[in-house]
Protein backbone atom coordinates (compact mmCIF):
# COMPACT_ATOMS: atom_id res chain seq x y z
CA MET A 1 10.68 30.82 -42.67
CA THR A 2 9.01 29.95 -39.34
CA PRO A 3 10.67 27.61 -36.83
CA LEU A 4 9.22 24.17 -36.41
CA ALA A 5 7.18 24.01 -33.20
CA LEU A 6 7.94 21.03 -31.00
CA PRO A 7 5.30 19.53 -28.72
CA PRO A 8 5.83 20.22 -25.01
CA ARG A 9 7.78 17.54 -23.14
CA ARG A 10 5.92 15.45 -20.57
CA SER A 11 7.47 14.41 -17.30
CA SER A 12 8.40 10.77 -16.73
CA ALA A 13 5.56 10.46 -14.20
CA ALA A 14 3.06 11.68 -16.82
CA ARG A 15 4.44 9.16 -19.34
CA CYS A 16 4.21 6.25 -16.86
CA ALA A 17 0.75 7.08 -15.49
CA PRO A 18 -1.22 5.50 -18.40
CA ALA A 19 0.80 2.27 -18.08
CA ALA A 20 0.19 2.13 -14.31
CA LEU A 21 -3.55 2.70 -14.79
CA LEU A 22 -3.67 0.00 -17.48
CA LEU A 23 -1.87 -2.45 -15.18
CA MET A 24 -4.26 -1.71 -12.29
CA ALA A 25 -7.31 -2.07 -14.58
CA SER A 26 -6.08 -5.40 -15.97
CA LEU A 27 -5.31 -6.75 -12.50
CA ALA A 28 -8.76 -5.63 -11.29
CA GLY A 29 -10.33 -8.02 -13.80
CA CYS A 30 -8.53 -10.97 -12.21
CA GLN A 31 -11.04 -11.99 -9.56
CA ALA A 32 -11.18 -15.09 -7.37
CA PRO A 33 -14.08 -17.56 -7.60
CA VAL A 34 -17.34 -16.39 -6.01
CA ASP A 35 -18.02 -19.70 -4.23
CA PRO A 36 -15.31 -20.16 -1.57
CA GLY A 37 -15.77 -23.95 -1.64
CA ALA A 38 -15.29 -24.22 -5.40
CA ARG A 39 -11.89 -25.26 -6.72
CA PRO A 40 -10.43 -22.40 -8.78
CA THR A 41 -9.94 -23.05 -12.48
CA PHE A 42 -6.58 -23.01 -14.25
CA TRP A 43 -7.02 -19.36 -15.33
CA GLN A 44 -8.26 -18.23 -11.92
CA ARG A 45 -5.12 -19.69 -10.34
CA ARG A 46 -2.94 -17.87 -12.91
CA ALA A 47 -4.85 -14.62 -12.22
CA ALA A 48 -4.23 -15.01 -8.47
CA GLU A 49 -0.51 -15.54 -9.15
CA LEU A 50 -0.47 -12.45 -11.39
CA ARG A 51 -2.13 -10.36 -8.64
CA ALA A 52 0.38 -11.68 -6.09
CA SER A 53 3.25 -10.57 -8.36
CA PHE A 54 2.44 -6.84 -8.12
CA ASP A 55 1.67 -4.30 -5.40
CA CYS A 56 0.27 -0.88 -6.21
CA GLU A 57 -1.29 1.14 -3.42
CA LEU A 58 -2.26 4.80 -3.00
CA LEU A 59 -2.23 6.25 0.50
CA PHE A 60 -4.04 9.37 1.67
CA GLY A 61 -3.46 11.02 5.02
CA PRO A 62 -0.62 12.53 6.98
CA GLY A 63 2.77 10.95 6.50
CA LEU A 64 6.37 11.52 5.57
CA GLY A 65 9.24 9.36 4.41
CA ALA A 66 10.45 6.77 1.94
CA ARG A 67 11.64 3.19 1.97
CA VAL A 68 13.19 0.74 -0.49
CA THR A 69 12.93 -3.03 -0.16
CA ALA A 70 14.82 -5.80 -1.95
CA THR A 71 13.30 -8.82 -0.14
CA ARG A 72 12.49 -8.87 3.56
CA TYR A 73 16.20 -9.21 4.36
CA LEU A 74 17.39 -6.02 2.65
CA GLN A 75 15.37 -2.89 3.56
CA ALA A 76 16.26 0.74 4.12
CA GLY A 77 14.29 3.89 4.85
CA ALA A 78 12.33 5.97 7.29
CA LEU A 79 8.56 6.24 6.95
CA ALA A 80 5.74 7.38 9.24
CA ILE A 81 2.07 7.23 8.24
CA GLY A 82 -0.81 8.50 10.37
CA SER A 83 -0.68 9.98 13.83
CA ALA A 84 2.51 9.84 15.86
CA GLU A 85 1.26 7.20 18.29
CA ILE A 86 -0.61 4.08 17.29
CA ASP A 87 -2.39 3.75 20.65
CA SER A 88 -3.30 7.39 21.18
CA ASN A 89 -6.25 8.86 23.05
CA VAL A 90 -6.26 11.80 20.65
CA THR A 91 -8.50 11.45 17.61
CA ALA A 92 -6.27 10.44 14.73
CA LEU A 93 -6.23 12.27 11.44
CA PRO A 94 -7.88 10.12 8.78
CA GLU A 95 -5.52 7.88 6.85
CA PHE A 96 -6.66 5.63 4.03
CA ALA A 97 -4.90 3.16 1.73
CA ALA A 98 -6.43 1.56 -1.35
CA GLY A 99 -4.99 -0.70 -4.01
CA LEU A 100 -3.46 -4.09 -4.61
CA ARG A 101 -1.40 -5.58 -1.77
CA ALA A 102 -0.52 -9.21 -1.04
CA GLY A 103 -2.56 -10.41 -4.02
CA ALA A 104 -5.83 -8.81 -2.87
CA TRP A 105 -7.66 -5.56 -3.53
CA ARG A 106 -7.80 -3.67 -0.25
CA SER A 107 -9.17 -0.48 1.19
CA GLU A 108 -8.05 0.01 4.75
CA SER A 109 -6.95 2.43 7.40
CA LEU A 110 -3.21 2.16 7.91
CA ARG A 111 -0.90 3.91 10.36
CA GLY A 112 2.46 3.24 11.87
CA ALA A 113 6.17 3.70 11.37
CA GLU A 114 9.15 1.85 9.99
CA TYR A 115 12.77 2.90 9.88
CA GLY A 116 16.33 1.67 9.77
CA LEU A 117 18.70 -0.31 7.63
CA SER A 118 18.71 -4.11 7.48
CA PRO A 119 19.30 -6.05 9.67
CA TRP A 120 18.25 -3.32 12.15
CA TYR A 121 14.98 -2.48 10.40
CA THR A 122 11.99 -1.82 12.67
CA SER A 123 8.34 -1.80 11.58
CA ASP A 124 5.15 -1.41 13.62
CA PHE A 125 1.80 -0.89 11.85
CA ALA A 126 -1.86 -1.05 12.74
CA ILE A 127 -4.36 -1.85 9.97
CA ARG A 128 -8.15 -1.63 10.22
CA GLY A 129 -10.49 -2.75 7.44
CA GLY A 130 -9.49 -4.56 4.27
CA GLY A 131 -11.22 -7.74 5.42
CA LEU A 132 -9.48 -7.68 8.82
CA ALA A 133 -11.03 -6.47 12.07
CA GLN A 134 -7.69 -5.07 13.22
CA TRP A 135 -4.16 -6.24 12.63
CA ARG A 136 -1.02 -4.95 14.28
CA GLY A 137 2.45 -6.15 13.53
CA ASP A 138 5.62 -6.03 11.51
CA LEU A 139 4.67 -5.11 7.94
CA ALA A 140 8.32 -5.43 6.87
CA ALA A 141 8.32 -9.16 7.71
CA GLU A 142 5.32 -9.68 5.40
CA ARG A 143 7.23 -8.58 2.27
CA GLY A 144 8.98 -11.91 1.64
CA SER A 145 10.76 -11.90 -1.73
CA GLN A 146 9.27 -8.61 -2.89
CA PHE A 147 11.13 -5.68 -4.42
CA SER A 148 9.26 -2.47 -3.58
CA ALA A 149 9.47 1.24 -3.00
CA GLN A 150 7.21 3.56 -1.05
CA VAL A 151 7.12 7.34 -0.83
CA HIS A 152 4.80 9.45 1.30
CA LEU A 153 4.90 13.25 1.16
CA ALA A 154 2.52 15.31 3.33
CA LEU A 155 -0.94 13.92 2.46
CA VAL A 156 -0.32 11.50 -0.44
CA GLY A 157 1.76 8.34 -0.74
CA LEU A 158 2.43 5.62 -3.29
CA THR A 159 3.67 2.05 -2.98
CA LEU A 160 4.88 0.01 -5.97
CA GLY A 161 6.19 -3.53 -5.69
CA PHE A 162 7.08 -6.64 -7.68
CA ASP A 163 7.54 -10.18 -6.36
CA PRO A 164 9.75 -12.25 -8.69
CA LEU A 165 8.92 -15.56 -6.92
CA ALA A 166 5.18 -15.07 -7.42
CA PHE A 167 5.86 -14.20 -11.06
CA ALA A 168 7.98 -17.36 -11.42
CA ARG A 169 5.04 -19.38 -10.01
CA LEU A 170 2.83 -17.77 -12.66
CA LEU A 171 5.25 -18.74 -15.45
CA ALA A 172 5.65 -22.28 -14.05
CA GLY A 173 1.87 -22.66 -13.87
CA LEU A 174 1.50 -21.53 -17.49
CA VAL A 175 3.78 -24.36 -18.63
CA GLY A 176 2.09 -26.95 -16.39
CA GLN A 177 4.50 -27.03 -13.43
CA GLU A 178 2.28 -25.91 -10.54
CA GLU A 179 3.36 -26.22 -6.90
CA GLY A 180 2.05 -29.26 -5.06
CA GLY A 181 1.68 -31.39 -8.18
CA GLU A 182 -1.65 -29.83 -9.12
CA SER A 183 -0.65 -29.46 -12.75
CA GLN A 184 -3.71 -29.31 -14.92
CA ASP A 185 -4.44 -28.81 -18.57
CA PRO A 186 -6.32 -25.52 -19.26
CA ASP A 187 -8.85 -27.37 -21.45
CA GLU A 188 -9.63 -29.80 -18.62
CA ASP A 189 -11.46 -27.04 -16.69
CA HIS A 190 -14.05 -26.80 -19.47
CA LEU A 191 -15.03 -30.46 -19.01
CA GLU A 192 -16.11 -30.01 -15.39
């Protein structure tokens, strides 16, 4: 009698990868209106709220560290991405980030450092591209009500985040309780 062969076990990262790719693909389909002057429809507003609920970004370039965030008021970690100095005369090693952040698809050059434990958490980043000429500031202050984690090892990093307030706005909008009293029936958009 031969023993029953079991399939090889997959790591948890290998099991979660298809779900993460499916989430990114579904969020990529949620695009804003092409005409900036046009009022977004009911479903376009819900898609924007869905995009704002999740962050998923891949980072390529030199870096080391990890951080965990439970709202902008509770953060811990030590993370450095890119060259050691933001304003350096030495040519920086290339660093590149692409993915969903702050409700928008971005591809940008990102470098800086953040470290500490709340309330003594320090963050200083410089971002080029992604629709901005250049932005420099406190990335930790931009997180708001988001729960997120970021890891960067050597040349690859990953950021995953979830914003429960943005998700609550999505759910409220689905039942007709939008912010600002702009509640609208989904069928009403088809009459315009």
